[in-house]
Amino acid sequence: MEADPLLGLFWPATDDPAILPVRATVAECRRPDTFDLLNLPVAATILREGSREYVIIADGPRHLRLESTGDSLTSGPVRLHYDLGDFHRLRERLVALSRLEAVVRLGRLPTGLYDRDPLAFRWMNALKAWTLKEDQASQIEIAIALFGAASVDAETMDRMRKRVARLLDLATRRVGLAHRRFLDDPPGSPIGVRWNRT
């Protein structure tokens, strides 16, 4: 299966109420009240920036994002303390907490805890288009890769070029935003770590 481009983009919990802010403290051993990221049977991606860790736990198309302070989630079993104090974001944070509980209990992120996101498909196409453009593909080649050769002909070529241009513009803005937030020479270089357990 093709890698999800969203697994390489990170943003802070202040920008997204679906990200669960947590504080981790190292536990002496694994117990029912501890969380062990390294033992999850699903993929996890981490970006470390200073004292914070931005985490994406992924199970196929379903993602759960955490923003962690305190001890590192890579130090083995930890106890998690949850920041749910912002009442304007409480509903989304409780959903994220339910997802975290499910992935620990079941080893997967159940589909029942996810609504269909109408923007997600467009964002994924935008990031695929951006990746293809980085590989020197033309707009028509990108359109064929995204929408199939049957959808690109003499009559639709101009429309498809415009569609690809809009996707590339969206991707450029999103990637630029992520770059400014995380990669513009912050104090101490961020370190990305990824585990895949399939």
C-alpha atoms as a PDB file:
ATOM      1  CA  MET A   1       0.000   0.000   0.000  1.00  0.00           C
ATOM      2  CA  GLU A   2       1.251   3.505  -0.832  1.00  0.00           C
ATOM      3  CA  ALA A   3       2.472   5.551   2.152  1.00  0.00           C
ATOM      4  CA  ASP A   4       0.067   8.215   3.367  1.00  0.00           C
ATOM      5  CA  PRO A   5       1.688  11.644   2.806  1.00  0.00           C
ATOM      6  CA  LEU A   6      -0.099  13.053   5.864  1.00  0.00           C
ATOM      7  CA  LEU A   7       2.132  10.867   8.051  1.00  0.00           C
ATOM      8  CA  GLY A   8       5.009  13.233   7.283  1.00  0.00           C
ATOM      9  CA  LEU A   9       3.230  16.470   8.246  1.00  0.00           C
ATOM     10  CA  PHE A  10       2.968  17.722  11.813  1.00  0.00           C
ATOM     11  CA  TRP A  11       1.241  20.704  13.413  1.00  0.00           C
ATOM     12  CA  PRO A  12       0.639  21.793  17.035  1.00  0.00           C
ATOM     13  CA  ALA A  13      -2.409  21.041  19.182  1.00  0.00           C
ATOM     14  CA  THR A  14      -3.183  24.766  19.328  1.00  0.00           C
ATOM     15  CA  ASP A  15      -4.062  24.546  15.613  1.00  0.00           C
ATOM     16  CA  ASP A  16      -6.147  21.368  15.752  1.00  0.00           C
ATOM     17  CA  PRO A  17      -8.652  20.424  18.471  1.00  0.00           C
ATOM     18  CA  ALA A  18      -8.428  16.755  17.394  1.00  0.00           C
ATOM     19  CA  ILE A  19      -4.830  16.551  18.647  1.00  0.00           C
ATOM     20  CA  LEU A  20      -4.693  15.245  22.221  1.00  0.00           C
ATOM     21  CA  PRO A  21      -2.160  17.085  24.431  1.00  0.00           C
ATOM     22  CA  VAL A  22      -0.553  14.752  26.978  1.00  0.00           C
ATOM     23  CA  ARG A  23       2.242  14.832  29.536  1.00  0.00           C
ATOM     24  CA  ALA A  24       4.241  11.623  29.924  1.00  0.00           C
ATOM     25  CA  THR A  25       6.066  10.347  32.995  1.00  0.00           C
ATOM     26  CA  VAL A  26       8.214   7.220  32.864  1.00  0.00           C
ATOM     27  CA  ALA A  27       6.720   4.160  34.568  1.00  0.00           C
ATOM     28  CA  GLU A  28       8.871   1.508  36.224  1.00  0.00           C
ATOM     29  CA  CYS A  29       7.167  -1.327  34.354  1.00  0.00           C
ATOM     30  CA  ARG A  30       4.303  -2.014  31.997  1.00  0.00           C
ATOM     31  CA  ARG A  31       0.946  -2.121  33.797  1.00  0.00           C
ATOM     32  CA  PRO A  32      -2.721  -1.684  32.810  1.00  0.00           C
ATOM     33  CA  ASP A  33      -2.463   2.054  33.549  1.00  0.00           C
ATOM     34  CA  THR A  34       0.606   2.645  31.351  1.00  0.00           C
ATOM     35  CA  PHE A  35       1.062   3.427  27.674  1.00  0.00           C
ATOM     36  CA  ASP A  36       3.851   1.871  25.617  1.00  0.00           C
ATOM     37  CA  LEU A  37       4.142   3.410  22.158  1.00  0.00           C
ATOM     38  CA  LEU A  38       6.863   0.969  21.105  1.00  0.00           C
ATOM     39  CA  ASN A  39       4.568  -1.992  21.764  1.00  0.00           C
ATOM     40  CA  LEU A  40       1.590  -0.804  19.700  1.00  0.00           C
ATOM     41  CA  PRO A  41       0.812  -3.149  16.778  1.00  0.00           C
ATOM     42  CA  VAL A  42       0.241  -0.154  14.454  1.00  0.00           C
ATOM     43  CA  ALA A  43       2.541   2.420  12.830  1.00  0.00           C
ATOM     44  CA  ALA A  44       3.748   5.402  14.845  1.00  0.00           C
ATOM     45  CA  THR A  45       5.591   8.475  13.569  1.00  0.00           C
ATOM     46  CA  ILE A  46       7.266  10.962  15.930  1.00  0.00           C
ATOM     47  CA  LEU A  47       8.757  14.405  15.431  1.00  0.00           C
ATOM     48  CA  ARG A  48      10.804  15.685  18.369  1.00  0.00           C
ATOM     49  CA  GLU A  49      11.139  19.436  18.712  1.00  0.00           C
ATOM     50  CA  GLY A  50      12.825  20.616  21.884  1.00  0.00           C
ATOM     51  CA  SER A  51      10.856  19.246  24.848  1.00  0.00           C
ATOM     52  CA  ARG A  52       7.825  18.293  22.728  1.00  0.00           C
ATOM     53  CA  GLU A  53       7.012  15.199  20.732  1.00  0.00           C
ATOM     54  CA  TYR A  54       4.413  15.267  17.965  1.00  0.00           C
ATOM     55  CA  VAL A  55       3.041  11.761  17.405  1.00  0.00           C
ATOM     56  CA  ILE A  56       0.896  10.235  14.683  1.00  0.00           C
ATOM     57  CA  ILE A  57      -0.494   6.770  15.354  1.00  0.00           C
ATOM     58  CA  ALA A  58      -1.844   5.333  12.097  1.00  0.00           C
ATOM     59  CA  ASP A  59      -3.992   2.322  11.318  1.00  0.00           C
ATOM     60  CA  GLY A  60      -4.605   2.315   7.588  1.00  0.00           C
ATOM     61  CA  PRO A  61      -6.444   5.545   6.692  1.00  0.00           C
ATOM     62  CA  ARG A  62      -7.264   6.327  10.355  1.00  0.00           C
ATOM     63  CA  HIS A  63      -4.931   8.550  12.367  1.00  0.00           C
ATOM     64  CA  LEU A  64      -4.624   9.648  15.976  1.00  0.00           C
ATOM     65  CA  ARG A  65      -2.388  12.601  16.834  1.00  0.00           C
ATOM     66  CA  LEU A  66      -0.802  13.384  20.195  1.00  0.00           C
ATOM     67  CA  GLU A  67       1.341  16.289  21.363  1.00  0.00           C
ATOM     68  CA  SER A  68       3.450  15.135  24.299  1.00  0.00           C
ATOM     69  CA  THR A  69       5.583  16.925  26.878  1.00  0.00           C
ATOM     70  CA  GLY A  70       7.528  15.514  29.817  1.00  0.00           C
ATOM     71  CA  ASP A  71       9.377  12.240  29.361  1.00  0.00           C
ATOM     72  CA  SER A  72       9.828  10.788  25.907  1.00  0.00           C
ATOM     73  CA  LEU A  73       7.217   8.360  24.618  1.00  0.00           C
ATOM     74  CA  THR A  74      10.142   6.304  23.276  1.00  0.00           C
ATOM     75  CA  SER A  75      11.466   5.574  26.789  1.00  0.00           C
ATOM     76  CA  GLY A  76       9.205   2.556  27.235  1.00  0.00           C
ATOM     77  CA  PRO A  77       6.052   2.411  29.367  1.00  0.00           C
ATOM     78  CA  VAL A  78       4.816   5.829  30.509  1.00  0.00           C
ATOM     79  CA  ARG A  79       1.863   7.180  32.429  1.00  0.00           C
ATOM     80  CA  LEU A  80      -0.092   9.748  30.435  1.00  0.00           C
ATOM     81  CA  HIS A  81      -1.760  12.820  31.930  1.00  0.00           C
ATOM     82  CA  TYR A  82      -4.351  14.413  29.654  1.00  0.00           C
ATOM     83  CA  ASP A  83      -4.953  18.126  29.081  1.00  0.00           C
ATOM     84  CA  LEU A  84      -8.724  18.414  28.566  1.00  0.00           C
ATOM     85  CA  GLY A  85      -9.177  21.835  30.196  1.00  0.00           C
ATOM     86  CA  ASP A  86     -10.194  23.855  27.126  1.00  0.00           C
ATOM     87  CA  PHE A  87     -14.001  23.555  27.040  1.00  0.00           C
ATOM     88  CA  HIS A  88     -14.128  24.848  23.445  1.00  0.00           C
ATOM     89  CA  ARG A  89     -12.094  21.803  22.376  1.00  0.00           C
ATOM     90  CA  LEU A  90     -13.350  19.299  24.922  1.00  0.00           C
ATOM     91  CA  ARG A  91     -15.632  17.303  22.599  1.00  0.00           C
ATOM     92  CA  GLU A  92     -12.843  16.721  20.018  1.00  0.00           C
ATOM     93  CA  ARG A  93     -10.306  15.920  22.748  1.00  0.00           C
ATOM     94  CA  LEU A  94     -12.642  13.352  24.310  1.00  0.00           C
ATOM     95  CA  VAL A  95     -13.044  11.700  20.900  1.00  0.00           C
ATOM     96  CA  ALA A  96      -9.230  11.581  20.582  1.00  0.00           C
ATOM     97  CA  LEU A  97      -9.019  10.081  24.075  1.00  0.00           C
ATOM     98  CA  SER A  98     -11.578   7.416  23.064  1.00  0.00           C
ATOM     99  CA  ARG A  99      -9.434   6.602  20.033  1.00  0.00           C
ATOM    100  CA  LEU A 100      -6.325   6.301  22.198  1.00  0.00           C
ATOM    101  CA  GLU A 101      -8.161   3.974  24.599  1.00  0.00           C
ATOM    102  CA  ALA A 102      -9.341   1.863  21.647  1.00  0.00           C
ATOM    103  CA  VAL A 103      -5.894   1.514  20.070  1.00  0.00           C
ATOM    104  CA  VAL A 104      -4.393   0.444  23.398  1.00  0.00           C
ATOM    105  CA  ARG A 105      -7.228  -2.003  24.142  1.00  0.00           C
ATOM    106  CA  LEU A 106      -7.808  -3.393  20.637  1.00  0.00           C
ATOM    107  CA  GLY A 107      -4.500  -2.776  18.874  1.00  0.00           C
ATOM    108  CA  ARG A 108      -6.327  -0.851  16.119  1.00  0.00           C
ATOM    109  CA  LEU A 109      -8.336   2.318  15.512  1.00  0.00           C
ATOM    110  CA  PRO A 110     -11.965   1.230  14.957  1.00  0.00           C
ATOM    111  CA  THR A 111     -13.825   2.760  12.000  1.00  0.00           C
ATOM    112  CA  GLY A 112     -16.791   3.546  14.261  1.00  0.00           C
ATOM    113  CA  LEU A 113     -14.779   6.297  15.974  1.00  0.00           C
ATOM    114  CA  TYR A 114     -14.187   8.178  12.694  1.00  0.00           C
ATOM    115  CA  ASP A 115     -16.478  10.360  10.591  1.00  0.00           C
ATOM    116  CA  ARG A 116     -15.812  10.787   6.903  1.00  0.00           C
ATOM    117  CA  ASP A 117     -13.674  13.883   6.382  1.00  0.00           C
ATOM    118  CA  PRO A 118     -14.614  15.604   3.108  1.00  0.00           C
ATOM    119  CA  LEU A 119     -11.305  17.505   3.000  1.00  0.00           C
ATOM    120  CA  ALA A 120      -9.021  14.541   3.637  1.00  0.00           C
ATOM    121  CA  PHE A 121      -9.303  13.084   0.126  1.00  0.00           C
ATOM    122  CA  ARG A 122      -8.518  16.489  -1.446  1.00  0.00           C
ATOM    123  CA  TRP A 123      -5.516  17.001   0.849  1.00  0.00           C
ATOM    124  CA  MET A 124      -4.180  13.552   0.027  1.00  0.00           C
ATOM    125  CA  ASN A 125      -4.531  14.223  -3.710  1.00  0.00           C
ATOM    126  CA  ALA A 126      -2.800  17.573  -3.215  1.00  0.00           C
ATOM    127  CA  LEU A 127       0.140  15.938  -1.447  1.00  0.00           C
ATOM    128  CA  LYS A 128       0.371  13.193  -4.077  1.00  0.00           C
ATOM    129  CA  ALA A 129       0.380  15.885  -6.780  1.00  0.00           C
ATOM    130  CA  TRP A 130       3.102  17.794  -4.931  1.00  0.00           C
ATOM    131  CA  THR A 131       5.229  14.628  -4.599  1.00  0.00           C
ATOM    132  CA  LEU A 132       4.852  13.889  -8.318  1.00  0.00           C
ATOM    133  CA  LYS A 133       5.772  17.502  -9.160  1.00  0.00           C
ATOM    134  CA  GLU A 134       8.889  17.152  -7.000  1.00  0.00           C
ATOM    135  CA  ASP A 135       9.736  14.119  -9.153  1.00  0.00           C
ATOM    136  CA  GLN A 136       9.508  16.365 -12.270  1.00  0.00           C
ATOM    137  CA  ALA A 137       6.130  15.069 -13.495  1.00  0.00           C
ATOM    138  CA  SER A 138       4.137  17.352 -15.818  1.00  0.00           C
ATOM    139  CA  GLN A 139       0.618  18.500 -14.937  1.00  0.00           C
ATOM    140  CA  ILE A 140      -0.869  16.028 -17.424  1.00  0.00           C
ATOM    141  CA  GLU A 141       1.228  13.181 -15.976  1.00  0.00           C
ATOM    142  CA  ILE A 142       0.011  14.156 -12.507  1.00  0.00           C
ATOM    143  CA  ALA A 143      -3.608  14.219 -13.707  1.00  0.00           C
ATOM    144  CA  ILE A 144      -3.246  10.735 -15.223  1.00  0.00           C
ATOM    145  CA  ALA A 145      -1.649   9.409 -12.017  1.00  0.00           C
ATOM    146  CA  LEU A 146      -4.395  10.890  -9.823  1.00  0.00           C
ATOM    147  CA  PHE A 147      -7.521  10.481 -11.936  1.00  0.00           C
ATOM    148  CA  GLY A 148      -6.633   7.796 -14.488  1.00  0.00           C
ATOM    149  CA  ALA A 149      -5.762   7.993 -18.186  1.00  0.00           C
ATOM    150  CA  ALA A 150      -9.424   7.636 -19.197  1.00  0.00           C
ATOM    151  CA  SER A 151     -10.285  10.948 -17.537  1.00  0.00           C
ATOM    152  CA  VAL A 152      -7.662  12.936 -19.499  1.00  0.00           C
ATOM    153  CA  ASP A 153      -8.359  13.539 -23.178  1.00  0.00           C
ATOM    154  CA  ALA A 154      -8.260  16.465 -25.616  1.00  0.00           C
ATOM    155  CA  GLU A 155     -11.544  17.863 -24.284  1.00  0.00           C
ATOM    156  CA  THR A 156     -10.666  17.673 -20.592  1.00  0.00           C
ATOM    157  CA  MET A 157      -6.935  18.478 -20.770  1.00  0.00           C
ATOM    158  CA  ASP A 158      -7.262  22.191 -19.954  1.00  0.00           C
ATOM    159  CA  ARG A 159      -9.697  21.499 -17.098  1.00  0.00           C
ATOM    160  CA  MET A 160      -7.386  18.817 -15.697  1.00  0.00           C
ATOM    161  CA  ARG A 161      -4.374  21.168 -15.828  1.00  0.00           C
ATOM    162  CA  LYS A 162      -6.337  23.739 -13.826  1.00  0.00           C
ATOM    163  CA  ARG A 163      -7.446  21.075 -11.360  1.00  0.00           C
ATOM    164  CA  VAL A 164      -3.857  19.909 -10.857  1.00  0.00           C
ATOM    165  CA  ALA A 165      -2.688  23.537 -10.508  1.00  0.00           C
ATOM    166  CA  ARG A 166      -5.229  24.063  -7.684  1.00  0.00           C
ATOM    167  CA  LEU A 167      -4.060  20.896  -5.940  1.00  0.00           C
ATOM    168  CA  LEU A 168      -0.420  21.964  -6.257  1.00  0.00           C
ATOM    169  CA  ASP A 169      -1.273  25.389  -4.849  1.00  0.00           C
ATOM    170  CA  LEU A 170      -3.017  23.775  -1.860  1.00  0.00           C
ATOM    171  CA  ALA A 171      -0.091  21.412  -1.263  1.00  0.00           C
ATOM    172  CA  THR A 172       2.472  24.216  -1.557  1.00  0.00           C
ATOM    173  CA  ARG A 173       0.600  26.251   1.050  1.00  0.00           C
ATOM    174  CA  ARG A 174       0.252  23.289   3.450  1.00  0.00           C
ATOM    175  CA  VAL A 175       3.850  22.135   3.058  1.00  0.00           C
ATOM    176  CA  GLY A 176       5.098  25.726   3.383  1.00  0.00           C
ATOM    177  CA  LEU A 177       3.108  26.152   6.584  1.00  0.00           C
ATOM    178  CA  ALA A 178       4.534  22.947   8.052  1.00  0.00           C
ATOM    179  CA  HIS A 179       8.045  23.997   6.993  1.00  0.00           C
ATOM    180  CA  ARG A 180       7.740  27.410   8.657  1.00  0.00           C
ATOM    181  CA  ARG A 181       6.427  25.918  11.879  1.00  0.00           C
ATOM    182  CA  PHE A 182       8.919  23.113  12.267  1.00  0.00           C
ATOM    183  CA  LEU A 183      11.923  23.440   9.988  1.00  0.00           C
ATOM    184  CA  ASP A 184      13.022  27.093   9.971  1.00  0.00           C
ATOM    185  CA  ASP A 185      16.152  26.552  12.048  1.00  0.00           C
ATOM    186  CA  PRO A 186      14.506  25.895  15.422  1.00  0.00           C
ATOM    187  CA  PRO A 187      16.737  25.596  18.489  1.00  0.00           C
ATOM    188  CA  GLY A 188      18.066  22.050  18.152  1.00  0.00           C
ATOM    189  CA  SER A 189      17.236  20.154  14.986  1.00  0.00           C
ATOM    190  CA  PRO A 190      13.989  18.166  15.076  1.00  0.00           C
ATOM    191  CA  ILE A 191      14.436  14.434  14.954  1.00  0.00           C
ATOM    192  CA  GLY A 192      11.907  12.274  13.147  1.00  0.00           C
ATOM    193  CA  VAL A 193      11.501   8.680  14.261  1.00  0.00           C
ATOM    194  CA  ARG A 194       9.145   6.122  12.747  1.00  0.00           C
ATOM    195  CA  TRP A 195       8.145   2.630  13.721  1.00  0.00           C
ATOM    196  CA  ASN A 196       6.063   0.374  11.533  1.00  0.00           C
ATOM    197  CA  ARG A 197       4.444  -2.658  13.069  1.00  0.00           C
ATOM    198  CA  THR A 198       2.230  -4.496  10.573  1.00  0.00           C
END
